[in-house]
Structure formats: C-alpha cells, structure tokens
Protein backbone atom coordinates (compact mmCIF):
# COMPACT_ATOMS: atom_id res chain seq x y z
CA MET A 1 112.24 108.05 105.18
CA SER A 2 108.90 106.49 104.27
CA ILE A 3 106.74 103.74 105.68
CA ASP A 4 106.83 100.39 103.89
CA VAL A 5 103.12 99.63 103.42
CA SER A 6 103.96 96.07 102.33
CA LYS A 7 105.36 95.35 105.80
CA GLN A 8 102.64 94.25 108.24
CA VAL A 9 102.10 92.45 111.53
CA TYR A 10 99.22 90.07 110.88
CA GLU A 11 96.83 89.04 113.62
CA SER A 12 98.24 85.52 113.61
CA GLU A 13 101.73 86.94 114.25
CA ALA A 14 100.83 89.38 117.04
CA THR A 15 101.86 88.41 120.57
CA GLY A 16 101.95 90.12 123.97
CA TRP A 17 100.76 93.72 124.04
CA GLN A 18 100.42 93.77 120.25
CA ARG A 19 97.88 90.95 120.36
CA GLY A 20 96.08 92.69 123.20
CA LEU A 21 95.90 95.95 121.26
CA TYR A 22 94.51 94.14 118.21
CA ASP A 23 91.85 92.49 120.38
CA ASP A 24 90.98 95.84 121.93
CA LEU A 25 90.79 97.49 118.52
CA LYS A 26 88.41 94.83 117.18
CA THR A 27 86.19 95.09 120.26
CA THR A 28 86.14 98.89 120.13
CA PHE A 29 85.43 98.91 116.39
CA HIS A 30 82.68 96.26 116.69
CA ALA A 31 84.28 94.40 113.78
CA PRO A 32 86.31 91.16 113.72
CA VAL A 33 89.13 92.53 111.56
CA VAL A 34 92.33 94.55 111.92
CA ASN A 35 92.67 96.78 108.88
CA TRP A 36 95.78 96.88 106.68
CA PHE A 37 96.47 100.45 107.87
CA PHE A 38 96.80 99.33 111.49
CA ARG A 39 98.83 96.24 110.61
CA THR A 40 101.21 98.52 108.71
CA LEU A 41 101.54 100.89 111.67
CA MET A 42 102.26 97.96 113.98
CA ALA A 43 105.02 96.71 111.71
CA ASN A 44 106.66 100.06 110.99
CA GLN A 45 105.89 102.29 113.98
CA PRO A 46 104.82 100.10 116.92
CA ALA A 47 105.71 102.70 119.58
CA PHE A 48 103.61 105.31 117.79
CA PHE A 49 100.69 102.91 117.30
CA ARG A 50 100.67 101.90 120.96
CA TYR A 51 100.69 105.55 122.03
CA ALA A 52 98.21 106.67 119.36
CA TRP A 53 95.66 103.98 120.21
CA GLY A 54 95.57 105.23 123.81
CA GLN A 55 94.88 108.70 122.46
CA LEU A 56 92.29 107.59 119.88
CA LYS A 57 90.25 104.97 121.71
CA PRO A 58 88.02 107.32 123.79
CA ALA A 59 86.78 108.97 120.59
CA PHE A 60 85.09 105.72 119.50
CA GLU A 61 83.30 105.06 122.79
CA THR A 62 80.73 107.88 122.89
CA ARG A 63 77.14 108.14 121.82
CA ALA A 64 78.17 110.98 119.53
CA PHE A 65 80.38 108.54 117.64
CA ALA A 66 77.41 106.21 117.17
CA GLN A 67 75.49 109.18 115.76
CA TYR A 68 78.42 109.92 113.47
CA GLU A 69 78.52 106.30 112.23
CA VAL A 70 74.81 106.15 111.51
CA THR A 71 74.72 109.55 109.82
CA TYR A 72 77.82 108.76 107.73
CA ARG A 73 76.09 105.71 106.29
CA ASP A 74 72.82 107.53 105.66
CA THR A 75 74.63 110.50 104.12
CA VAL A 76 76.18 108.33 101.42
CA LEU A 77 73.09 106.25 100.68
CA SER A 78 70.49 109.02 100.77
CA ILE A 79 72.35 111.03 98.13
CA LEU A 80 72.65 107.96 95.88
CA GLU A 81 69.04 106.85 96.39
CA ASP A 82 67.79 110.28 95.36
CA ASP A 83 69.50 109.85 92.00
CA HIS A 84 69.56 106.10 91.34
CA ALA A 85 67.42 103.00 91.75
CA LEU A 86 69.94 100.84 93.59
CA PRO A 87 69.68 97.08 93.05
CA GLN A 88 69.06 94.59 95.85
CA TYR A 89 70.57 91.18 95.21
CA THR A 90 69.56 87.60 95.92
CA PRO A 91 71.91 84.58 95.65
CA SER A 92 70.50 83.47 92.29
CA ALA A 93 70.80 86.97 90.85
CA VAL A 94 74.57 87.01 91.40
CA GLY A 95 75.31 83.35 90.67
CA VAL A 96 76.34 82.16 94.13
CA SER A 97 74.96 79.59 96.55
CA PRO A 98 72.98 80.65 99.63
CA ALA A 99 75.96 79.73 101.82
CA GLU A 100 78.34 81.81 99.70
CA PHE A 101 75.86 84.69 99.76
CA ARG A 102 75.72 84.56 103.57
CA GLU A 103 79.50 84.63 103.76
CA ALA A 104 79.78 87.58 101.38
CA HIS A 105 76.99 89.35 103.28
CA GLY A 106 78.81 88.88 106.60
CA GLN A 107 82.12 90.11 105.24
CA LEU A 108 80.49 93.20 103.71
CA ALA A 109 78.72 93.88 107.02
CA THR A 110 82.15 93.95 108.68
CA LEU A 111 83.60 96.28 106.06
CA ASP A 112 80.52 98.51 106.29
CA THR A 113 81.10 98.85 110.04
CA MET A 114 84.76 99.70 109.42
CA ALA A 115 84.22 102.34 106.71
CA PRO A 116 83.07 105.29 108.86
CA ARG A 117 85.66 104.42 111.51
CA LEU A 118 88.50 104.39 109.01
CA ALA A 119 87.30 107.65 107.48
CA PHE A 120 87.38 109.21 110.95
CA VAL A 121 90.85 107.81 111.75
CA PHE A 122 92.32 109.00 108.45
CA GLU A 123 90.77 112.46 108.81
CA LEU A 124 91.90 112.82 112.42
CA LEU A 125 95.47 111.63 111.87
CA ASP A 126 95.93 113.76 108.77
CA THR A 127 94.63 116.78 110.68
CA ALA A 128 96.73 116.15 113.78
CA LEU A 129 99.95 115.27 111.99
CA SER A 130 99.59 118.38 109.85
CA GLY A 131 99.67 120.39 113.05
CA GLU A 132 96.06 121.52 112.73
CA GLN A 133 93.72 121.67 115.70
CA ILE A 134 91.50 118.73 116.65
CA GLY A 135 88.34 119.46 118.59
CA SER A 136 88.26 123.06 117.44
CA SER A 137 84.50 123.22 118.09
CA PRO A 138 83.92 120.72 120.94
CA SER A 139 80.33 119.59 121.26
CA GLU A 140 78.44 120.61 124.38
CA GLU A 141 75.72 117.97 123.81
CA TRP A 142 75.00 115.10 126.20
CA ALA A 143 75.86 112.60 123.49
CA ALA A 144 79.40 113.99 123.21
CA THR A 145 80.43 112.28 126.44
CA ALA A 146 77.66 109.69 126.93
CA PRO A 147 78.59 106.03 126.39
CA PHE A 148 78.28 104.26 123.05
CA PRO A 149 74.83 102.62 122.79
CA THR A 150 73.89 99.17 121.53
CA LEU A 151 73.27 99.25 117.78
CA ASP A 152 71.28 96.68 115.84
CA ARG A 153 73.99 95.47 113.46
CA GLN A 154 74.06 92.91 110.69
CA GLN A 155 75.91 89.72 111.62
CA SER A 156 79.52 90.27 110.67
CA ARG A 157 82.23 87.80 109.73
CA SER A 158 86.01 87.89 109.56
CA VAL A 159 87.20 89.25 106.24
CA THR A 160 89.07 86.87 103.96
CA MET A 161 90.72 87.97 100.74
CA ILE A 162 92.32 86.60 97.60
CA PRO A 163 95.96 87.70 97.14
CA PHE A 164 96.05 90.15 94.26
CA GLU A 165 98.24 87.86 92.19
CA ASP A 166 95.65 85.07 92.57
CA VAL A 167 92.63 87.01 91.36
CA PRO A 168 90.98 84.84 88.64
CA ASP A 169 91.77 85.67 85.04
CA SER A 170 88.04 85.89 84.40
CA LEU A 171 88.03 89.10 86.46
CA ALA A 172 90.90 90.75 84.55
CA ASP A 173 88.76 93.34 82.76
CA THR A 174 86.74 94.10 85.89
CA VAL A 175 89.86 94.51 88.02
CA THR A 176 91.45 96.80 85.43
CA ALA A 177 88.34 98.98 85.39
CA ILE A 178 88.20 99.06 89.21
CA ARG A 179 91.85 100.09 89.53
CA GLU A 180 91.49 102.78 86.87
CA TYR A 181 88.36 104.17 88.50
CA HIS A 182 89.78 104.42 92.03
CA GLY A 183 93.28 105.37 90.88
CA PHE A 184 95.32 102.39 92.08
CA ASP A 185 98.63 101.91 90.28
CA SER A 186 99.16 98.54 91.96
CA GLY A 187 97.27 96.10 94.14
CA LEU A 188 93.56 96.07 94.90
CA PRO A 189 91.64 97.37 97.94
CA THR A 190 90.36 94.99 100.61
CA ILE A 191 86.71 95.30 99.54
CA TYR A 192 87.49 94.03 96.04
CA ARG A 193 89.90 91.30 97.12
CA SER A 194 87.12 90.05 99.40
CA LEU A 195 84.46 90.16 96.68
CA ALA A 196 86.85 88.49 94.20
CA GLN A 197 86.36 85.26 96.16
CA TRP A 198 83.01 85.13 94.32
CA PRO A 199 83.81 86.21 90.74
CA SER A 200 80.23 86.25 89.51
CA LEU A 201 79.22 88.44 92.44
CA LEU A 202 81.98 90.99 91.82
CA ASP A 203 81.31 91.01 88.08
CA THR A 204 77.59 91.59 88.61
CA MET A 205 78.13 94.31 91.19
CA TRP A 206 80.63 96.16 89.05
CA ASP A 207 78.48 95.89 85.91
CA ASP A 208 75.48 97.27 87.80
CA LEU A 209 77.23 99.90 89.91
CA GLU A 210 80.01 101.28 87.71
CA SER A 211 77.69 103.96 86.34
CA VAL A 212 76.59 104.84 89.89
CA LEU A 213 80.20 105.20 91.03
CA GLU A 214 80.97 107.43 88.05
CA SER A 215 77.95 109.67 88.67
CA THR A 216 77.87 113.19 90.04
CA ALA A 217 75.69 111.83 92.84
CA PHE A 218 78.48 109.52 94.03
CA GLU A 219 80.96 112.39 93.80
CA ALA A 220 78.64 114.41 96.04
CA ALA A 221 78.27 111.46 98.41
CA CYS A 222 82.06 111.21 98.74
CA VAL A 223 82.41 114.92 99.49
CA SER A 224 79.60 114.78 102.06
CA SER A 225 80.97 111.67 103.79
CA TRP A 226 84.42 113.20 104.26
CA SER A 227 82.90 116.51 105.35
CA HIS A 228 80.95 114.56 107.95
CA ALA A 229 84.16 112.92 109.22
CA GLU A 230 85.86 116.32 109.35
CA ALA A 231 82.96 117.79 111.33
CA HIS A 232 83.14 114.98 113.88
CA VAL A 233 86.89 115.49 114.31
CA SER A 234 86.17 119.16 114.99
CA SER A 235 83.47 118.34 117.55
CA LEU A 236 85.49 115.96 119.75
CA PRO A 237 85.17 116.76 123.46
CA TYR A 238 88.48 114.99 124.20
CA THR A 239 91.55 116.11 122.30
CA PRO A 240 94.03 113.37 121.32
CA ARG A 241 97.61 114.57 121.62
CA LEU A 242 98.92 113.55 118.22
CA ALA A 243 100.50 116.72 116.87
CA PRO A 244 104.15 116.55 115.74
CA ALA A 245 105.27 118.24 118.96
CA ASP A 246 103.45 115.59 121.02
CA LEU A 247 105.15 112.79 119.11
CA ARG A 248 108.58 114.26 119.65
CA GLU A 249 107.87 114.14 123.38
CA ILE A 250 107.58 110.33 123.11
CA ASP A 251 110.99 110.24 121.38
CA LEU A 252 109.87 109.95 117.77
CA THR A 253 112.42 111.55 115.47
CA ASP A 254 111.72 114.14 112.81
CA ASP A 255 112.11 111.38 110.21
CA ASP A 256 109.53 109.27 112.04
CA VAL A 257 107.08 112.17 112.11
CA ALA A 258 107.63 112.92 108.43
CA ALA A 259 107.03 109.27 107.53
CA LEU A 260 103.78 109.23 109.53
CA GLN A 261 102.68 112.47 107.90
CA GLY A 262 103.23 110.90 104.49
CA LEU A 263 101.26 107.80 105.42
CA ALA A 264 98.37 109.83 106.82
CA ASP A 265 98.25 111.98 103.70
CA GLN A 266 98.31 108.89 101.48
CA PHE A 267 95.38 107.28 103.27
CA ARG A 268 93.33 110.46 103.58
CA HIS A 269 93.81 111.98 100.14
CA GLY A 270 94.51 109.00 97.92
CA PRO A 271 92.16 106.46 96.30
CA VAL A 272 90.57 105.75 99.69
CA GLU A 273 88.50 108.91 99.18
CA THR A 274 86.28 106.91 96.82
CA VAL A 275 86.86 103.41 98.21
CA LEU A 276 85.29 103.95 101.66
CA PRO A 277 82.00 105.43 100.36
CA ALA A 278 81.93 102.61 97.78
CA VAL A 279 82.07 100.07 100.64
CA THR A 280 78.86 101.60 102.01
CA LEU A 281 77.22 101.25 98.59
CA TYR A 282 78.30 97.63 98.09
CA ALA A 283 77.07 96.65 101.54
CA ASN A 284 73.71 98.25 100.88
CA VAL A 285 72.96 96.39 97.66
CA LEU A 286 73.77 93.08 99.36
CA GLY A 287 71.53 93.94 102.31
CA ALA A 288 74.53 94.13 104.67
CA SER A 289 74.31 97.78 105.71
CA GLY A 290 74.36 98.74 109.34
CA PRO A 291 71.80 101.12 110.89
CA ARG A 292 71.04 104.43 109.21
CA ASN A 293 68.84 105.96 111.92
CA GLY A 294 67.60 105.36 115.44
CA ILE A 295 70.26 107.30 117.36
CA GLN A 296 68.77 110.46 118.85
C-alpha cells in the first residue's frame, strides 16, 4: 500500500474539523498556505493527520523554534554569501511590473517562512516513523519552553501556481534543467510553479543562480540546513508520540504505517533535500527573506 500523492484535499474543499485544522496550521506556521504534503495527508490519512497535528503543534510554538527558524535561514545564506556574490533584483532587472514584483515578493516570503518548518516536519516524521527517538537530547534552556516571539516578517501572500501542464513553452528549457537538477521525474515543485507565473523572472533567476545551486557551497548549505533540522528534533522538550507503536494504538494498520513511512522517506530524502534550501536562496535575491538574527 502506498499513498497517492496526486490525491489532495484543497483548502476550498475542506469543511468542518478539516477546515479548522487547516486554519490552525496556517496560523501556527505564520503563512497563508497549506502545503501539498499536508493536503495529501488529509486526503489519504485524515485520522493520522488529525492525531499527528495535535502531537506536532506544540513544537512550533516555542521561542526555541523561532531560534531554529532564524538560524536555518542564516545557515543557508551565510554559507552561500561566503562563496558567491548573490544578486539582488529590481522589477526592471527581471522584466516584470512593480505590481507583479510585489506579488512574486509576497509569495516568496510565504514560501521562505514555510521552508524551515517543512524541513523540521519532514525530519521529525521520518525519524519518528522509523522508530528512532525524538527529543533524545532535550534542551534545558529557557527558550525551549518559552512562547514563540513576534518576528519582523516580510509581508506574505497566498501562493498561486501554474498547473505543470500549463507552464509556458518559453520556459521548456529552464523547466527541463530545473527538473534534472533537483531530480524530479515528473511535475515541478511549488516554488517553480509559483515563479513560472512570471516567465522572465524565473528565466533570469535560473540563469543567474544555476551555477550557485550546482556549487559545493550550496551542497554544504543543504547538509548544514538538514543537520540543523535534525538537531532541533533532537532538542525538543516535548516528545510527540508518532512512533509506529503509537500509531497502532490509534487503530492504524500495519499497511497504513508502512504507507506513511514511505511518504515520510520520500519527502525527507528525495528532491526536497535541495528544493527547500533553494527556496531560501530565491527569497533572498528577491528581498523576501525573513529574519536571520535578533532572537537571543
């Protein structure tokens, strides 16, 4: 048994407790979007998702998580800035209007907020569903249990995307290069389907940043970002009960658990390993990055 990742419950379709959970997720994540991963869980394993969100939510509400988010972003960008002169774009430089630039900026700000959260979720679920210990080195610091602070964020917007089959022909070579680089056999990640709404922007970004993404510095940034997510999973003061034995206690079958293990492995160890750090890079060059310091 495997999970059908093409089957989703979209926000517009969610009702009752499902709509409430989506609203809670967006509020907790400080981002007006429900990621494809969560929509897939809702469609395929709603009982698991409802239970898992109750286990996961407290992890996002501490000051330590804010520190994790800020450090994640700075980890990626500091490594790249030490090795590359990263561009900073204006509307005229990428061939879009000021209004289009603002929209792209807002959507990238949202995706930049999501990136460290998704990295944490994928790391935690893969660890838990593999039967490995979460919170193996719980932090004793004040921040570990203190509330999440107010962060000075860029103004975010809901993320809109072009269906893969509707991506303009003018982007064919760029899309082929993107898929080959990240290792996608089909489809295109959210970040690129969003940017494809402005073909000249995506073309310019890819032309300028392809060499950065292929560099040893970006490889190091990816390793460091995932190591940072792993360290935060290890430091959790509250331990979500998401091991296979815990899931069997809520009446999930062995087939259900195996399907969830496969999904978690796919999202933790697949192309997303390079996609999430790339989101941080794309947001930075458009001036849409969230905070990189200021949390003590």
